[in-house]
Amino acid sequence: MNYLLGLIGMFELLDGLLTSWAIKSQHVLEGNLFVSAISGSWYYLFIKMLGGVVSITALWMVGKRFPKIGIFATSIIFVFYAGVLTWNATILF
């Protein structure tokens, strides 16, 4: 499970960097209305990383207390993020 949590953290960072680059180079617009005002700035990456740390910590805590639920939830989020990054890569490259 810790391996998946590490990969989710790397996916979060990669997604933030790719999104920031795409917005700054005007290839795309941010679709999330909550962060569209700050997208492309360092605030965006800070909030993205903070959200990632909070999410990974919550998943880790659930996994410690309820291992089967933790592994299931972490696996689902891993697959979702892999899909998001694949989608972004096909759009950007």
PDB file of N, CA and C in Angstrom:
ATOM      1  N   MET A   1       0.824  -1.190   0.000  1.00  0.00           N
ATOM      2  CA  MET A   1       0.000   0.000   0.000  1.00  0.00           C
ATOM      3  C   MET A   1       0.868   1.254   0.000  1.00  0.00           C
ATOM      4  N   ASN A   2       1.969   1.225   0.738  1.00  0.00           N
ATOM      5  CA  ASN A   2       2.844   2.400   0.777  1.00  0.00           C
ATOM      6  C   ASN A   2       3.408   2.720  -0.604  1.00  0.00           C
ATOM      7  N   TYR A   3       3.661   1.668  -1.397  1.00  0.00           N
ATOM      8  CA  TYR A   3       4.147   1.850  -2.758  1.00  0.00           C
ATOM      9  C   TYR A   3       3.111   2.612  -3.590  1.00  0.00           C
ATOM     10  N   LEU A   4       1.846   2.205  -3.472  1.00  0.00           N
ATOM     11  CA  LEU A   4       0.775   2.894  -4.202  1.00  0.00           C
ATOM     12  C   LEU A   4       0.620   4.339  -3.733  1.00  0.00           C
ATOM     13  N   LEU A   5       0.753   4.572  -2.446  1.00  0.00           N
ATOM     14  CA  LEU A   5       0.652   5.939  -1.927  1.00  0.00           C
ATOM     15  C   LEU A   5       1.769   6.813  -2.482  1.00  0.00           C
ATOM     16  N   GLY A   6       2.970   6.258  -2.579  1.00  0.00           N
ATOM     17  CA  GLY A   6       4.084   6.996  -3.173  1.00  0.00           C
ATOM     18  C   GLY A   6       3.825   7.321  -4.637  1.00  0.00           C
ATOM     19  N   LEU A   7       3.284   6.345  -5.371  1.00  0.00           N
ATOM     20  CA  LEU A   7       2.959   6.587  -6.772  1.00  0.00           C
ATOM     21  C   LEU A   7       1.856   7.635  -6.930  1.00  0.00           C
ATOM     22  N   ILE A   8       0.876   7.603  -6.056  1.00  0.00           N
ATOM     23  CA  ILE A   8      -0.181   8.617  -6.103  1.00  0.00           C
ATOM     24  C   ILE A   8       0.414  10.004  -5.866  1.00  0.00           C
ATOM     25  N   GLY A   9       1.348  10.106  -4.929  1.00  0.00           N
ATOM     26  CA  GLY A   9       2.021  11.382  -4.689  1.00  0.00           C
ATOM     27  C   GLY A   9       2.780  11.862  -5.913  1.00  0.00           C
ATOM     28  N   MET A  10       3.474  10.942  -6.589  1.00  0.00           N
ATOM     29  CA  MET A  10       4.189  11.325  -7.812  1.00  0.00           C
ATOM     30  C   MET A  10       3.212  11.699  -8.923  1.00  0.00           C
ATOM     31  N   PHE A  11       2.092  10.983  -9.018  1.00  0.00           N
ATOM     32  CA  PHE A  11       1.073  11.329 -10.009  1.00  0.00           C
ATOM     33  C   PHE A  11       0.516  12.722  -9.749  1.00  0.00           C
ATOM     34  N   GLU A  12       0.296  13.030  -8.486  1.00  0.00           N
ATOM     35  CA  GLU A  12      -0.225  14.354  -8.104  1.00  0.00           C
ATOM     36  C   GLU A  12       0.748  15.447  -8.535  1.00  0.00           C
ATOM     37  N   LEU A  13       2.017  15.252  -8.252  1.00  0.00           N
ATOM     38  CA  LEU A  13       3.035  16.232  -8.637  1.00  0.00           C
ATOM     39  C   LEU A  13       3.118  16.364 -10.157  1.00  0.00           C
ATOM     40  N   LEU A  14       3.156  15.250 -10.855  1.00  0.00           N
ATOM     41  CA  LEU A  14       3.234  15.277 -12.310  1.00  0.00           C
ATOM     42  C   LEU A  14       2.003  15.946 -12.919  1.00  0.00           C
ATOM     43  N   ASP A  15       0.833  15.645 -12.390  1.00  0.00           N
ATOM     44  CA  ASP A  15      -0.396  16.277 -12.879  1.00  0.00           C
ATOM     45  C   ASP A  15      -0.357  17.782 -12.667  1.00  0.00           C
ATOM     46  N   GLY A  16       0.105  18.218 -11.497  1.00  0.00           N
ATOM     47  CA  GLY A  16       0.201  19.652 -11.229  1.00  0.00           C
ATOM     48  C   GLY A  16       1.180  20.349 -12.154  1.00  0.00           C
ATOM     49  N   LEU A  17       2.328  19.728 -12.371  1.00  0.00           N
ATOM     50  CA  LEU A  17       3.333  20.330 -13.254  1.00  0.00           C
ATOM     51  C   LEU A  17       2.853  20.376 -14.705  1.00  0.00           C
ATOM     52  N   LEU A  18       2.263  19.275 -15.179  1.00  0.00           N
ATOM     53  CA  LEU A  18       1.748  19.256 -16.546  1.00  0.00           C
ATOM     54  C   LEU A  18       0.632  20.269 -16.746  1.00  0.00           C
ATOM     55  N   THR A  19      -0.260  20.359 -15.787  1.00  0.00           N
ATOM     56  CA  THR A  19      -1.368  21.301 -15.889  1.00  0.00           C
ATOM     57  C   THR A  19      -0.853  22.735 -15.863  1.00  0.00           C
ATOM     58  N   SER A  20       0.075  23.031 -14.968  1.00  0.00           N
ATOM     59  CA  SER A  20       0.641  24.384 -14.906  1.00  0.00           C
ATOM     60  C   SER A  20       1.330  24.747 -16.214  1.00  0.00           C
ATOM     61  N   TRP A  21       2.114  23.816 -16.768  1.00  0.00           N
ATOM     62  CA  TRP A  21       2.792  24.072 -18.032  1.00  0.00           C
ATOM     63  C   TRP A  21       1.789  24.310 -19.157  1.00  0.00           C
ATOM     64  N   ALA A  22       0.752  23.479 -19.214  1.00  0.00           N
ATOM     65  CA  ALA A  22      -0.238  23.603 -20.286  1.00  0.00           C
ATOM     66  C   ALA A  22      -1.017  24.908 -20.184  1.00  0.00           C
ATOM     67  N   ILE A  23      -1.307  25.346 -18.975  1.00  0.00           N
ATOM     68  CA  ILE A  23      -2.052  26.592 -18.789  1.00  0.00           C
ATOM     69  C   ILE A  23      -1.166  27.786 -19.124  1.00  0.00           C
ATOM     70  N   LYS A  24       0.074  27.762 -18.663  1.00  0.00           N
ATOM     71  CA  LYS A  24       0.990  28.874 -18.947  1.00  0.00           C
ATOM     72  C   LYS A  24       1.278  28.998 -20.436  1.00  0.00           C
ATOM     73  N   SER A  25       1.361  27.871 -21.136  1.00  0.00           N
ATOM     74  CA  SER A  25       1.635  27.924 -22.573  1.00  0.00           C
ATOM     75  C   SER A  25       0.347  28.074 -23.386  1.00  0.00           C
ATOM     76  N   GLN A  26      -0.769  28.235 -22.714  1.00  0.00           N
ATOM     77  CA  GLN A  26      -2.089  28.496 -23.308  1.00  0.00           C
ATOM     78  C   GLN A  26      -2.558  27.372 -24.226  1.00  0.00           C
ATOM     79  N   HIS A  27      -2.195  26.141 -23.877  1.00  0.00           N
ATOM     80  CA  HIS A  27      -2.697  24.986 -24.620  1.00  0.00           C
ATOM     81  C   HIS A  27      -4.083  24.569 -24.139  1.00  0.00           C
ATOM     82  N   VAL A  28      -4.348  24.795 -22.863  1.00  0.00           N
ATOM     83  CA  VAL A  28      -5.622  24.378 -22.268  1.00  0.00           C
ATOM     84  C   VAL A  28      -6.102  25.431 -21.275  1.00  0.00           C
ATOM     85  N   LEU A  29      -7.350  25.294 -20.871  1.00  0.00           N
ATOM     86  CA  LEU A  29      -7.920  26.087 -19.786  1.00  0.00           C
ATOM     87  C   LEU A  29      -8.243  25.136 -18.641  1.00  0.00           C
ATOM     88  N   GLU A  30      -8.123  25.626 -17.425  1.00  0.00           N
ATOM     89  CA  GLU A  30      -8.441  24.816 -16.246  1.00  0.00           C
ATOM     90  C   GLU A  30      -9.945  24.601 -16.198  1.00  0.00           C
ATOM     91  N   GLY A  31     -10.356  23.344 -16.092  1.00  0.00           N
ATOM     92  CA  GLY A  31     -11.772  23.010 -16.060  1.00  0.00           C
ATOM     93  C   GLY A  31     -12.379  23.075 -14.667  1.00  0.00           C
ATOM     94  N   ASN A  32     -11.554  23.059 -13.628  1.00  0.00           N
ATOM     95  CA  ASN A  32     -12.051  23.111 -12.258  1.00  0.00           C
ATOM     96  C   ASN A  32     -12.330  24.568 -11.899  1.00  0.00           C
ATOM     97  N   LEU A  33     -13.587  24.904 -11.704  1.00  0.00           N
ATOM     98  CA  LEU A  33     -13.969  26.283 -11.425  1.00  0.00           C
ATOM     99  C   LEU A  33     -13.396  26.813 -10.117  1.00  0.00           C
ATOM    100  N   PHE A  34     -13.133  25.919  -9.172  1.00  0.00           N
ATOM    101  CA  PHE A  34     -12.624  26.349  -7.872  1.00  0.00           C
ATOM    102  C   PHE A  34     -11.188  26.852  -7.943  1.00  0.00           C
ATOM    103  N   VAL A  35     -10.392  26.319  -8.851  1.00  0.00           N
ATOM    104  CA  VAL A  35      -8.981  26.701  -8.925  1.00  0.00           C
ATOM    105  C   VAL A  35      -8.616  27.426 -10.218  1.00  0.00           C
ATOM    106  N   SER A  36      -9.591  27.681 -11.068  1.00  0.00           N
ATOM    107  CA  SER A  36      -9.271  28.315 -12.355  1.00  0.00           C
ATOM    108  C   SER A  36      -8.676  29.712 -12.186  1.00  0.00           C
ATOM    109  N   ALA A  37      -9.045  30.418 -11.132  1.00  0.00           N
ATOM    110  CA  ALA A  37      -8.517  31.773 -10.914  1.00  0.00           C
ATOM    111  C   ALA A  37      -7.025  31.763 -10.564  1.00  0.00           C
ATOM    112  N   ILE A  38      -6.550  30.699  -9.942  1.00  0.00           N
ATOM    113  CA  ILE A  38      -5.139  30.663  -9.538  1.00  0.00           C
ATOM    114  C   ILE A  38      -4.318  29.694 -10.377  1.00  0.00           C
ATOM    115  N   SER A  39      -4.938  29.045 -11.346  1.00  0.00           N
ATOM    116  CA  SER A  39      -4.204  28.060 -12.142  1.00  0.00           C
ATOM    117  C   SER A  39      -3.067  28.723 -12.907  1.00  0.00           C
ATOM    118  N   GLY A  40      -1.958  28.041 -12.967  1.00  0.00           N
ATOM    119  CA  GLY A  40      -0.772  28.568 -13.629  1.00  0.00           C
ATOM    120  C   GLY A  40       0.158  29.322 -12.694  1.00  0.00           C
ATOM    121  N   SER A  41      -0.249  29.554 -11.455  1.00  0.00           N
ATOM    122  CA  SER A  41       0.603  30.265 -10.498  1.00  0.00           C
ATOM    123  C   SER A  41       1.182  29.260  -9.496  1.00  0.00           C
ATOM    124  N   TRP A  42       2.100  29.744  -8.676  1.00  0.00           N
ATOM    125  CA  TRP A  42       2.692  28.856  -7.683  1.00  0.00           C
ATOM    126  C   TRP A  42       1.672  28.490  -6.610  1.00  0.00           C
ATOM    127  N   TYR A  43       0.631  29.319  -6.421  1.00  0.00           N
ATOM    128  CA  TYR A  43      -0.433  28.973  -5.472  1.00  0.00           C
ATOM    129  C   TYR A  43      -1.117  27.671  -5.889  1.00  0.00           C
ATOM    130  N   TYR A  44      -1.305  27.532  -7.185  1.00  0.00           N
ATOM    131  CA  TYR A  44      -1.959  26.335  -7.713  1.00  0.00           C
ATOM    132  C   TYR A  44      -1.175  25.084  -7.323  1.00  0.00           C
ATOM    133  N   LEU A  45       0.126  25.105  -7.582  1.00  0.00           N
ATOM    134  CA  LEU A  45       0.942  23.938  -7.228  1.00  0.00           C
ATOM    135  C   LEU A  45       0.968  23.699  -5.725  1.00  0.00           C
ATOM    136  N   PHE A  46       1.011  24.772  -4.943  1.00  0.00           N
ATOM    137  CA  PHE A  46       1.011  24.637  -3.488  1.00  0.00           C
ATOM    138  C   PHE A  46      -0.283  23.968  -3.013  1.00  0.00           C
ATOM    139  N   ILE A  47      -1.415  24.453  -3.494  1.00  0.00           N
ATOM    140  CA  ILE A  47      -2.702  23.886  -3.083  1.00  0.00           C
ATOM    141  C   ILE A  47      -2.833  22.451  -3.577  1.00  0.00           C
ATOM    142  N   LYS A  48      -2.364  22.188  -4.785  1.00  0.00           N
ATOM    143  CA  LYS A  48      -2.413  20.837  -5.342  1.00  0.00           C
ATOM    144  C   LYS A  48      -1.583  19.875  -4.491  1.00  0.00           C
ATOM    145  N   MET A  49      -0.384  20.298  -4.110  1.00  0.00           N
ATOM    146  CA  MET A  49       0.476  19.438  -3.293  1.00  0.00           C
ATOM    147  C   MET A  49      -0.077  19.281  -1.875  1.00  0.00           C
ATOM    148  N   LEU A  50      -0.618  20.357  -1.319  1.00  0.00           N
ATOM    149  CA  LEU A  50      -1.212  20.275   0.012  1.00  0.00           C
ATOM    150  C   LEU A  50      -2.389  19.302   0.012  1.00  0.00           C
ATOM    151  N   GLY A  51      -3.233  19.388  -1.010  1.00  0.00           N
ATOM    152  CA  GLY A  51      -4.348  18.445  -1.131  1.00  0.00           C
ATOM    153  C   GLY A  51      -3.864  17.016  -1.275  1.00  0.00           C
ATOM    154  N   GLY A  52      -2.778  16.834  -2.025  1.00  0.00           N
ATOM    155  CA  GLY A  52      -2.208  15.500  -2.186  1.00  0.00           C
ATOM    156  C   GLY A  52      -1.688  14.932  -0.879  1.00  0.00           C
ATOM    157  N   VAL A  53      -0.992  15.756  -0.114  1.00  0.00           N
ATOM    158  CA  VAL A  53      -0.451  15.305   1.178  1.00  0.00           C
ATOM    159  C   VAL A  53      -1.589  14.943   2.132  1.00  0.00           C
ATOM    160  N   VAL A  54      -2.619  15.770   2.172  1.00  0.00           N
ATOM    161  CA  VAL A  54      -3.766  15.491   3.050  1.00  0.00           C
ATOM    162  C   VAL A  54      -4.451  14.191   2.624  1.00  0.00           C
ATOM    163  N   SER A  55      -4.653  14.014   1.315  1.00  0.00           N
ATOM    164  CA  SER A  55      -5.309  12.803   0.812  1.00  0.00           C
ATOM    165  C   SER A  55      -4.491  11.550   1.092  1.00  0.00           C
ATOM    166  N   ILE A  56      -3.190  11.625   0.842  1.00  0.00           N
ATOM    167  CA  ILE A  56      -2.327  10.468   1.077  1.00  0.00           C
ATOM    168  C   ILE A  56      -2.277  10.132   2.563  1.00  0.00           C
ATOM    169  N   THR A  57      -2.226  11.150   3.402  1.00  0.00           N
ATOM    170  CA  THR A  57      -2.229  10.917   4.851  1.00  0.00           C
ATOM    171  C   THR A  57      -3.530  10.253   5.288  1.00  0.00           C
ATOM    172  N   ALA A  58      -4.659  10.721   4.759  1.00  0.00           N
ATOM    173  CA  ALA A  58      -5.953  10.125   5.110  1.00  0.00           C
ATOM    174  C   ALA A  58      -6.014   8.668   4.652  1.00  0.00           C
ATOM    175  N   LEU A  59      -5.548   8.397   3.440  1.00  0.00           N
ATOM    176  CA  LEU A  59      -5.540   7.015   2.955  1.00  0.00           C
ATOM    177  C   LEU A  59      -4.622   6.137   3.801  1.00  0.00           C
ATOM    178  N   TRP A  60      -3.490   6.656   4.196  1.00  0.00           N
ATOM    179  CA  TRP A  60      -2.563   5.900   5.029  1.00  0.00           C
ATOM    180  C   TRP A  60      -3.188   5.577   6.385  1.00  0.00           C
ATOM    181  N   MET A  61      -3.877   6.571   6.972  1.00  0.00           N
ATOM    182  CA  MET A  61      -4.521   6.360   8.272  1.00  0.00           C
ATOM    183  C   MET A  61      -5.645   5.328   8.178  1.00  0.00           C
ATOM    184  N   VAL A  62      -6.430   5.396   7.104  1.00  0.00           N
ATOM    185  CA  VAL A  62      -7.478   4.395   6.910  1.00  0.00           C
ATOM    186  C   VAL A  62      -6.857   3.019   6.746  1.00  0.00           C
ATOM    187  N   GLY A  63      -5.764   2.948   5.984  1.00  0.00           N
ATOM    188  CA  GLY A  63      -5.091   1.676   5.765  1.00  0.00           C
ATOM    189  C   GLY A  63      -4.514   1.068   7.028  1.00  0.00           C
ATOM    190  N   LYS A  64      -4.071   1.902   7.950  1.00  0.00           N
ATOM    191  CA  LYS A  64      -3.541   1.399   9.220  1.00  0.00           C
ATOM    192  C   LYS A  64      -4.651   0.770  10.061  1.00  0.00           C
ATOM    193  N   ARG A  65      -5.817   1.404  10.048  1.00  0.00           N
ATOM    194  CA  ARG A  65      -6.915   0.938  10.895  1.00  0.00           C
ATOM    195  C   ARG A  65      -7.738  -0.161  10.225  1.00  0.00           C
ATOM    196  N   PHE A  66      -7.976   0.013   8.915  1.00  0.00           N
ATOM    197  CA  PHE A  66      -8.774  -0.943   8.147  1.00  0.00           C
ATOM    198  C   PHE A  66      -7.989  -1.324   6.889  1.00  0.00           C
ATOM    199  N   PRO A  67      -7.075  -2.278   6.980  1.00  0.00           N
ATOM    200  CA  PRO A  67      -6.168  -2.575   5.867  1.00  0.00           C
ATOM    201  C   PRO A  67      -6.866  -2.905   4.542  1.00  0.00           C
ATOM    202  N   LYS A  68      -7.901  -3.719   4.560  1.00  0.00           N
ATOM    203  CA  LYS A  68      -8.568  -4.088   3.314  1.00  0.00           C
ATOM    204  C   LYS A  68      -9.240  -2.884   2.656  1.00  0.00           C
ATOM    205  N   ILE A  69      -9.902  -2.070   3.440  1.00  0.00           N
ATOM    206  CA  ILE A  69     -10.550  -0.869   2.898  1.00  0.00           C
ATOM    207  C   ILE A  69      -9.495   0.111   2.393  1.00  0.00           C
ATOM    208  N   GLY A  70      -8.396   0.241   3.123  1.00  0.00           N
ATOM    209  CA  GLY A  70      -7.321   1.138   2.714  1.00  0.00           C
ATOM    210  C   GLY A  70      -6.701   0.743   1.386  1.00  0.00           C
ATOM    211  N   ILE A  71      -6.440  -0.547   1.224  1.00  0.00           N
ATOM    212  CA  ILE A  71      -5.855  -1.029  -0.034  1.00  0.00           C
ATOM    213  C   ILE A  71      -6.850  -0.855  -1.179  1.00  0.00           C
ATOM    214  N   PHE A  72      -8.117  -1.154  -0.926  1.00  0.00           N
ATOM    215  CA  PHE A  72      -9.134  -0.996  -1.968  1.00  0.00           C
ATOM    216  C   PHE A  72      -9.259   0.466  -2.392  1.00  0.00           C
ATOM    217  N   ALA A  73      -9.389   1.371  -1.439  1.00  0.00           N
ATOM    218  CA  ALA A  73      -9.537   2.798  -1.748  1.00  0.00           C
ATOM    219  C   ALA A  73      -8.289   3.340  -2.440  1.00  0.00           C
ATOM    220  N   THR A  74      -7.126   2.962  -1.969  1.00  0.00           N
ATOM    221  CA  THR A  74      -5.875   3.421  -2.574  1.00  0.00           C
ATOM    222  C   THR A  74      -5.747   2.907  -4.004  1.00  0.00           C
ATOM    223  N   SER A  75      -6.135   1.667  -4.231  1.00  0.00           N
ATOM    224  CA  SER A  75      -6.075   1.100  -5.579  1.00  0.00           C
ATOM    225  C   SER A  75      -7.018   1.822  -6.536  1.00  0.00           C
ATOM    226  N   ILE A  76      -8.219   2.115  -6.071  1.00  0.00           N
ATOM    227  CA  ILE A  76      -9.192   2.832  -6.908  1.00  0.00           C
ATOM    228  C   ILE A  76      -8.658   4.216  -7.271  1.00  0.00           C
ATOM    229  N   ILE A  77      -8.118   4.944  -6.301  1.00  0.00           N
ATOM    230  CA  ILE A  77      -7.595   6.280  -6.555  1.00  0.00           C
ATOM    231  C   ILE A  77      -6.372   6.206  -7.474  1.00  0.00           C
ATOM    232  N   PHE A  78      -5.529   5.191  -7.299  1.00  0.00           N
ATOM    233  CA  PHE A  78      -4.378   5.001  -8.175  1.00  0.00           C
ATOM    234  C   PHE A  78      -4.822   4.811  -9.627  1.00  0.00           C
ATOM    235  N   VAL A  79      -5.795   3.941  -9.844  1.00  0.00           N
ATOM    236  CA  VAL A  79      -6.288   3.689 -11.203  1.00  0.00           C
ATOM    237  C   VAL A  79      -6.917   4.950 -11.781  1.00  0.00           C
ATOM    238  N   PHE A  80      -7.674   5.680 -10.975  1.00  0.00           N
ATOM    239  CA  PHE A  80      -8.283   6.922 -11.437  1.00  0.00           C
ATOM    240  C   PHE A  80      -7.215   7.927 -11.862  1.00  0.00           C
ATOM    241  N   TYR A  81      -6.198   8.114 -11.031  1.00  0.00           N
ATOM    242  CA  TYR A  81      -5.141   9.080 -11.344  1.00  0.00           C
ATOM    243  C   TYR A  81      -4.323   8.647 -12.557  1.00  0.00           C
ATOM    244  N   ALA A  82      -4.095   7.349 -12.701  1.00  0.00           N
ATOM    245  CA  ALA A  82      -3.405   6.865 -13.896  1.00  0.00           C
ATOM    246  C   ALA A  82      -4.217   7.191 -15.142  1.00  0.00           C
ATOM    247  N   GLY A  83      -5.533   7.072 -15.049  1.00  0.00           N
ATOM    248  CA  GLY A  83      -6.403   7.437 -16.166  1.00  0.00           C
ATOM    249  C   GLY A  83      -6.364   8.928 -16.460  1.00  0.00           C
ATOM    250  N   VAL A  84      -6.367   9.744 -15.424  1.00  0.00           N
ATOM    251  CA  VAL A  84      -6.296  11.199 -15.606  1.00  0.00           C
ATOM    252  C   VAL A  84      -4.987  11.586 -16.290  1.00  0.00           C
ATOM    253  N   LEU A  85      -3.887  11.032 -15.829  1.00  0.00           N
ATOM    254  CA  LEU A  85      -2.593  11.354 -16.440  1.00  0.00           C
ATOM    255  C   LEU A  85      -2.498  10.849 -17.874  1.00  0.00           C
ATOM    256  N   THR A  86      -3.059   9.688 -18.144  1.00  0.00           N
ATOM    257  CA  THR A  86      -3.075   9.176 -19.513  1.00  0.00           C
ATOM    258  C   THR A  86      -3.893  10.088 -20.409  1.00  0.00           C
ATOM    259  N   TRP A  87      -5.057  10.489 -19.922  1.00  0.00           N
ATOM    260  CA  TRP A  87      -5.903  11.419 -20.676  1.00  0.00           C
ATOM    261  C   TRP A  87      -5.165  12.736 -20.952  1.00  0.00           C
ATOM    262  N   ASN A  88      -4.549  13.304 -19.925  1.00  0.00           N
ATOM    263  CA  ASN A  88      -3.808  14.563 -20.093  1.00  0.00           C
ATOM    264  C   ASN A  88      -2.659  14.412 -21.078  1.00  0.00           C
ATOM    265  N   ALA A  89      -1.970  13.288 -21.015  1.00  0.00           N
ATOM    266  CA  ALA A  89      -0.842  13.076 -21.931  1.00  0.00           C
ATOM    267  C   ALA A  89      -1.322  12.966 -23.373  1.00  0.00           C
ATOM    268  N   THR A  90      -2.465  12.338 -23.595  1.00  0.00           N
ATOM    269  CA  THR A  90      -2.971  12.234 -24.969  1.00  0.00           C
ATOM    270  C   THR A  90      -3.436  13.577 -25.489  1.00  0.00           C
ATOM    271  N   ILE A  91      -3.938  14.421 -24.616  1.00  0.00           N
ATOM    272  CA  ILE A  91      -4.387  15.757 -25.033  1.00  0.00           C
ATOM    273  C   ILE A  91      -3.190  16.677 -25.306  1.00  0.00           C
ATOM    274  N   LEU A  92      -2.179  16.606 -24.447  1.00  0.00           N
ATOM    275  CA  LEU A  92      -1.061  17.549 -24.532  1.00  0.00           C
ATOM    276  C   LEU A  92       0.023  17.138 -25.506  1.00  0.00           C
ATOM    277  N   PHE A  93       0.198  15.841 -25.728  1.00  0.00           N
ATOM    278  CA  PHE A  93       1.311  15.412 -26.569  1.00  0.00           C
ATOM    279  C   PHE A  93       0.808  14.728 -27.782  1.00  0.00           C
TER     280      PHE A  93
END
